[in-house]
């Protein structure tokens, strides 16, 4: 049951990503392109059935990890409260990552400016 759910989510994600990528125009990549590259493990521009199965298994493993992380009390169920807490923690983590990236970019720009002045 869980594997069917994960499979459905992956397929829907790929489908919507491909549709969204279609509207970006040439030369621009999006989530669909990134997922395709992840699935194309031998980088031959094609995804074989075996590569697809490995990719689906990897996504299922990630889904199980996310579920187990949300199930903070380990009882095999995720409550709305647990899901909200995990979502909040993920947002906080993403915001910190964005802040760190902005600070790093700012430092790099300042260093470039100093190098140009010298």
N, C-alpha and C. Protein backbone atom coordinates (compact mmCIF):
# COMPACT_ATOMS: atom_id res chain seq x y z
N UNK A 1 0.83 -1.19 0.00
CA UNK A 1 0.00 0.00 0.00
C UNK A 1 0.87 1.25 0.00
N UNK A 2 1.85 1.30 0.90
CA UNK A 2 2.73 2.45 0.98
C UNK A 2 3.54 2.61 -0.30
N UNK A 3 4.00 1.48 -0.87
CA UNK A 3 4.80 1.56 -2.09
C UNK A 3 3.95 2.07 -3.24
N UNK A 4 2.68 1.71 -3.29
CA UNK A 4 1.79 2.25 -4.33
C UNK A 4 1.63 3.75 -4.18
N UNK A 5 1.50 4.20 -2.96
CA UNK A 5 1.36 5.63 -2.69
C UNK A 5 2.61 6.38 -3.12
N UNK A 6 3.78 5.88 -2.72
CA UNK A 6 5.04 6.51 -3.09
C UNK A 6 5.20 6.52 -4.60
N UNK A 7 4.90 5.41 -5.25
CA UNK A 7 5.00 5.33 -6.71
C UNK A 7 4.10 6.38 -7.36
N UNK A 8 2.88 6.51 -6.87
CA UNK A 8 1.94 7.50 -7.40
C UNK A 8 2.49 8.91 -7.24
N UNK A 9 3.03 9.22 -6.08
CA UNK A 9 3.59 10.55 -5.82
C UNK A 9 4.75 10.83 -6.77
N UNK A 10 5.64 9.86 -6.95
CA UNK A 10 6.79 10.06 -7.84
C UNK A 10 6.32 10.29 -9.26
N UNK A 11 5.40 9.49 -9.73
CA UNK A 11 4.88 9.63 -11.10
C UNK A 11 4.21 10.99 -11.27
N UNK A 12 3.41 11.40 -10.32
CA UNK A 12 2.74 12.70 -10.41
C UNK A 12 3.76 13.83 -10.40
N UNK A 13 4.78 13.72 -9.55
CA UNK A 13 5.82 14.74 -9.49
C UNK A 13 6.53 14.85 -10.83
N UNK A 14 6.91 13.71 -11.38
CA UNK A 14 7.57 13.72 -12.68
C UNK A 14 6.67 14.31 -13.75
N UNK A 15 5.41 13.94 -13.76
CA UNK A 15 4.46 14.44 -14.76
C UNK A 15 4.30 15.95 -14.67
N UNK A 16 4.05 16.45 -13.47
CA UNK A 16 3.87 17.89 -13.32
C UNK A 16 5.16 18.65 -13.60
N UNK A 17 6.29 18.07 -13.23
CA UNK A 17 7.57 18.72 -13.48
C UNK A 17 7.83 18.84 -14.97
N UNK A 18 7.55 17.79 -15.69
CA UNK A 18 7.76 17.81 -17.14
C UNK A 18 6.86 18.86 -17.78
N UNK A 19 5.60 18.91 -17.35
CA UNK A 19 4.69 19.92 -17.88
C UNK A 19 5.16 21.33 -17.55
N UNK A 20 5.63 21.53 -16.34
CA UNK A 20 6.12 22.85 -15.94
C UNK A 20 7.37 23.22 -16.72
N UNK A 21 8.25 22.25 -16.95
CA UNK A 21 9.47 22.51 -17.71
C UNK A 21 9.17 22.91 -19.13
N UNK A 22 8.11 22.35 -19.69
CA UNK A 22 7.73 22.64 -21.07
C UNK A 22 7.47 24.14 -21.27
N UNK A 23 6.98 24.80 -20.24
CA UNK A 23 6.63 26.21 -20.34
C UNK A 23 7.79 27.15 -20.03
N UNK A 24 8.92 26.62 -19.63
CA UNK A 24 10.07 27.45 -19.30
C UNK A 24 10.81 27.95 -20.53
N UNK A 25 10.74 27.20 -21.61
CA UNK A 25 11.46 27.59 -22.81
C UNK A 25 12.77 26.85 -22.91
N UNK A 26 13.44 26.99 -24.06
CA UNK A 26 14.68 26.25 -24.28
C UNK A 26 15.81 26.74 -23.39
N UNK A 27 16.66 25.80 -23.01
CA UNK A 27 17.85 26.14 -22.23
C UNK A 27 17.62 26.30 -20.74
N UNK A 28 16.40 26.16 -20.29
CA UNK A 28 16.12 26.31 -18.86
C UNK A 28 15.71 24.96 -18.31
N UNK A 29 16.30 24.58 -17.18
CA UNK A 29 15.95 23.30 -16.59
C UNK A 29 15.18 23.53 -15.30
N UNK A 30 14.38 22.55 -14.96
CA UNK A 30 13.58 22.63 -13.75
C UNK A 30 13.61 21.30 -13.04
N UNK A 31 12.66 21.07 -12.15
CA UNK A 31 12.65 19.84 -11.38
C UNK A 31 12.58 18.58 -12.23
N UNK A 32 11.81 18.62 -13.32
CA UNK A 32 11.71 17.45 -14.19
C UNK A 32 13.05 17.08 -14.78
N UNK A 33 13.79 18.06 -15.22
CA UNK A 33 15.12 17.85 -15.79
C UNK A 33 16.06 17.26 -14.73
N UNK A 34 15.98 17.80 -13.53
CA UNK A 34 16.84 17.32 -12.45
C UNK A 34 16.49 15.87 -12.08
N UNK A 35 15.19 15.57 -12.02
CA UNK A 35 14.78 14.20 -11.70
C UNK A 35 15.22 13.24 -12.80
N UNK A 36 15.11 13.67 -14.05
CA UNK A 36 15.55 12.82 -15.16
C UNK A 36 17.05 12.54 -15.04
N UNK A 37 17.82 13.57 -14.76
CA UNK A 37 19.28 13.38 -14.62
C UNK A 37 19.61 12.45 -13.45
N UNK A 38 18.84 12.55 -12.39
CA UNK A 38 19.06 11.66 -11.24
C UNK A 38 18.76 10.21 -11.63
N UNK A 39 17.71 10.01 -12.41
CA UNK A 39 17.32 8.65 -12.81
C UNK A 39 18.28 8.08 -13.84
N UNK A 40 18.85 8.94 -14.69
CA UNK A 40 19.76 8.51 -15.76
C UNK A 40 21.15 8.30 -15.17
N UNK A 41 21.33 7.20 -14.44
CA UNK A 41 22.57 6.97 -13.69
C UNK A 41 23.80 6.78 -14.56
N UNK A 42 23.64 6.33 -15.81
CA UNK A 42 24.82 6.17 -16.67
C UNK A 42 25.01 7.36 -17.61
N UNK A 43 24.20 8.40 -17.43
CA UNK A 43 24.33 9.65 -18.18
C UNK A 43 24.34 9.48 -19.69
N UNK A 44 23.51 8.55 -20.19
CA UNK A 44 23.46 8.35 -21.64
C UNK A 44 22.28 9.08 -22.29
N UNK A 45 21.57 9.91 -21.51
CA UNK A 45 20.45 10.67 -22.05
C UNK A 45 19.16 9.89 -22.13
N UNK A 46 19.17 8.67 -21.60
CA UNK A 46 17.99 7.82 -21.61
C UNK A 46 17.86 7.17 -20.23
N UNK A 47 16.63 6.87 -19.85
CA UNK A 47 16.39 6.16 -18.60
C UNK A 47 15.89 4.77 -18.95
N UNK A 48 16.71 3.78 -18.63
CA UNK A 48 16.31 2.39 -18.88
C UNK A 48 15.32 1.94 -17.82
N UNK A 49 14.71 0.80 -18.06
CA UNK A 49 13.77 0.25 -17.09
C UNK A 49 14.50 0.00 -15.75
N UNK A 50 15.72 -0.55 -15.83
CA UNK A 50 16.48 -0.82 -14.60
C UNK A 50 16.81 0.48 -13.86
N UNK A 51 17.21 1.52 -14.60
CA UNK A 51 17.49 2.81 -13.96
C UNK A 51 16.22 3.35 -13.31
N UNK A 52 15.10 3.21 -14.00
CA UNK A 52 13.82 3.66 -13.46
C UNK A 52 13.50 2.95 -12.15
N UNK A 53 13.69 1.64 -12.14
CA UNK A 53 13.38 0.87 -10.93
C UNK A 53 14.28 1.26 -9.77
N UNK A 54 15.56 1.50 -10.04
CA UNK A 54 16.49 1.94 -8.99
C UNK A 54 16.05 3.31 -8.46
N UNK A 55 15.68 4.20 -9.38
CA UNK A 55 15.25 5.54 -9.00
C UNK A 55 13.98 5.48 -8.15
N UNK A 56 13.01 4.67 -8.56
CA UNK A 56 11.77 4.52 -7.81
C UNK A 56 12.05 3.96 -6.41
N UNK A 57 12.95 2.98 -6.32
CA UNK A 57 13.31 2.41 -5.01
C UNK A 57 13.95 3.48 -4.13
N UNK A 58 14.81 4.31 -4.74
CA UNK A 58 15.47 5.38 -3.99
C UNK A 58 14.43 6.37 -3.47
N UNK A 59 13.46 6.73 -4.32
CA UNK A 59 12.41 7.65 -3.90
C UNK A 59 11.54 7.04 -2.80
N UNK A 60 11.27 5.74 -2.90
CA UNK A 60 10.49 5.05 -1.87
C UNK A 60 11.25 5.06 -0.54
N UNK A 61 12.57 4.83 -0.61
CA UNK A 61 13.39 4.88 0.61
C UNK A 61 13.34 6.26 1.24
N UNK A 62 13.44 7.30 0.40
CA UNK A 62 13.37 8.67 0.92
C UNK A 62 12.00 8.93 1.55
N UNK A 63 10.95 8.42 0.92
CA UNK A 63 9.61 8.58 1.46
C UNK A 63 9.47 7.92 2.83
N UNK A 64 10.03 6.72 2.95
CA UNK A 64 9.98 6.03 4.25
C UNK A 64 10.78 6.81 5.30
N UNK A 65 11.93 7.35 4.90
CA UNK A 65 12.73 8.15 5.83
C UNK A 65 11.95 9.38 6.31
N UNK A 66 11.28 10.06 5.35
CA UNK A 66 10.48 11.24 5.73
C UNK A 66 9.35 10.84 6.67
N UNK A 67 8.68 9.73 6.37
CA UNK A 67 7.59 9.28 7.23
C UNK A 67 8.12 9.00 8.63
N UNK A 68 9.21 8.25 8.72
CA UNK A 68 9.77 7.91 10.03
C UNK A 68 10.23 9.15 10.79
N UNK A 69 10.73 10.14 10.05
CA UNK A 69 11.15 11.38 10.69
C UNK A 69 9.93 12.13 11.24
N UNK A 70 8.83 12.14 10.48
CA UNK A 70 7.61 12.81 10.95
C UNK A 70 6.98 12.08 12.12
N UNK A 71 7.10 10.75 12.14
CA UNK A 71 6.52 9.93 13.21
C UNK A 71 7.41 10.03 14.44
N UNK A 72 7.39 11.21 15.06
CA UNK A 72 8.33 11.51 16.15
C UNK A 72 8.18 10.61 17.36
N UNK A 73 6.98 10.07 17.61
CA UNK A 73 6.81 9.19 18.76
C UNK A 73 7.00 7.71 18.40
N UNK A 74 7.22 7.42 17.11
CA UNK A 74 7.53 6.06 16.67
C UNK A 74 6.40 5.06 16.76
N UNK A 75 5.15 5.55 16.76
CA UNK A 75 4.03 4.62 16.91
C UNK A 75 3.49 4.09 15.58
N UNK A 76 4.12 4.47 14.47
CA UNK A 76 3.69 3.98 13.17
C UNK A 76 2.62 4.82 12.51
N UNK A 77 2.27 5.95 13.12
CA UNK A 77 1.27 6.86 12.58
C UNK A 77 1.82 8.28 12.63
N UNK A 78 1.39 9.10 11.69
CA UNK A 78 1.76 10.51 11.70
C UNK A 78 0.51 11.32 11.96
N UNK A 79 0.53 12.07 13.04
CA UNK A 79 -0.60 12.95 13.36
C UNK A 79 -0.42 14.28 12.64
N UNK A 80 -1.48 15.06 12.61
CA UNK A 80 -1.39 16.41 12.03
C UNK A 80 -0.35 17.23 12.79
N UNK A 81 -0.32 17.07 14.09
CA UNK A 81 0.63 17.82 14.91
C UNK A 81 2.06 17.44 14.53
N UNK A 82 2.33 16.14 14.39
CA UNK A 82 3.68 15.70 14.01
C UNK A 82 4.05 16.22 12.62
N UNK A 83 3.11 16.18 11.69
CA UNK A 83 3.37 16.66 10.33
C UNK A 83 3.66 18.16 10.34
N UNK A 84 2.88 18.92 11.12
CA UNK A 84 3.10 20.37 11.22
C UNK A 84 4.45 20.67 11.84
N UNK A 85 4.83 19.93 12.87
CA UNK A 85 6.11 20.15 13.53
C UNK A 85 7.27 19.88 12.57
N UNK A 86 7.17 18.81 11.80
CA UNK A 86 8.22 18.48 10.84
C UNK A 86 8.28 19.53 9.74
N UNK A 87 7.12 19.96 9.28
CA UNK A 87 7.06 20.99 8.24
C UNK A 87 7.71 22.28 8.73
N UNK A 88 7.41 22.64 9.97
CA UNK A 88 7.99 23.85 10.57
C UNK A 88 9.51 23.71 10.68
N UNK A 89 9.97 22.55 11.10
CA UNK A 89 11.41 22.31 11.23
C UNK A 89 12.10 22.37 9.86
N UNK A 90 11.45 21.82 8.83
CA UNK A 90 12.02 21.86 7.49
C UNK A 90 12.09 23.29 6.96
N UNK A 91 11.03 24.07 7.19
CA UNK A 91 11.04 25.48 6.76
C UNK A 91 12.17 26.23 7.45
N UNK A 92 12.33 25.99 8.74
CA UNK A 92 13.39 26.65 9.50
C UNK A 92 14.76 26.28 8.93
N UNK A 93 14.94 25.01 8.62
CA UNK A 93 16.20 24.53 8.06
C UNK A 93 16.46 25.17 6.68
N UNK A 94 15.41 25.25 5.86
CA UNK A 94 15.54 25.85 4.53
C UNK A 94 15.88 27.34 4.63
N UNK A 95 15.24 28.03 5.57
CA UNK A 95 15.51 29.47 5.74
C UNK A 95 16.95 29.69 6.18
N UNK A 96 17.46 28.83 7.06
CA UNK A 96 18.84 28.95 7.49
C UNK A 96 19.79 28.70 6.32
N UNK A 97 19.46 27.70 5.52
CA UNK A 97 20.29 27.39 4.35
C UNK A 97 20.32 28.57 3.38
N UNK A 98 19.15 29.17 3.13
CA UNK A 98 19.09 30.33 2.24
C UNK A 98 19.89 31.49 2.80
N UNK A 99 19.77 31.72 4.11
CA UNK A 99 20.52 32.81 4.74
C UNK A 99 22.01 32.56 4.61
N UNK A 100 22.44 31.33 4.87
CA UNK A 100 23.86 31.00 4.75
C UNK A 100 24.36 31.19 3.32
N UNK A 101 23.53 30.82 2.34
CA UNK A 101 23.92 30.99 0.94
C UNK A 101 24.02 32.46 0.57
N UNK A 102 23.09 33.29 1.07
CA UNK A 102 23.15 34.74 0.81
C UNK A 102 24.41 35.34 1.41
N UNK A 103 24.73 34.93 2.64
CA UNK A 103 25.93 35.45 3.31
C UNK A 103 27.19 35.02 2.56
N UNK A 104 27.21 33.79 2.09
CA UNK A 104 28.36 33.30 1.34
C UNK A 104 28.51 34.07 0.03
N UNK A 105 27.39 34.28 -0.66
CA UNK A 105 27.43 35.02 -1.92
C UNK A 105 27.89 36.45 -1.69
N UNK A 106 27.40 37.07 -0.63
CA UNK A 106 27.79 38.44 -0.30
C UNK A 106 29.29 38.52 -0.02
N UNK A 107 29.82 37.55 0.72
CA UNK A 107 31.26 37.52 1.01
C UNK A 107 32.07 37.33 -0.27
N UNK A 108 31.57 36.47 -1.17
CA UNK A 108 32.29 36.26 -2.43
C UNK A 108 32.30 37.53 -3.27
N UNK A 109 31.17 38.24 -3.31
CA UNK A 109 31.11 39.48 -4.07
C UNK A 109 32.03 40.54 -3.48
N UNK A 110 32.08 40.62 -2.17
CA UNK A 110 32.98 41.57 -1.51
C UNK A 110 34.43 41.23 -1.81
N UNK A 111 34.76 39.94 -1.80
CA UNK A 111 36.12 39.51 -2.11
C UNK A 111 36.48 39.84 -3.56
N UNK A 112 35.54 39.61 -4.47
CA UNK A 112 35.77 39.94 -5.88
C UNK A 112 36.01 41.43 -6.05
N UNK A 113 35.23 42.23 -5.33
CA UNK A 113 35.37 43.69 -5.42
C UNK A 113 36.75 44.11 -4.92
N UNK A 114 37.19 43.53 -3.82
CA UNK A 114 38.52 43.85 -3.30
C UNK A 114 39.61 43.43 -4.29
N UNK A 115 39.45 42.28 -4.90
CA UNK A 115 40.43 41.81 -5.89
C UNK A 115 40.49 42.72 -7.10
N UNK A 116 39.34 43.26 -7.51
CA UNK A 116 39.31 44.16 -8.65
C UNK A 116 39.98 45.47 -8.33
N UNK A 117 39.85 45.92 -7.09
CA UNK A 117 40.44 47.20 -6.68
C UNK A 117 41.97 47.10 -6.59
N UNK A 118 42.48 45.91 -6.36
CA UNK A 118 43.95 45.73 -6.22
C UNK A 118 44.59 45.47 -7.50
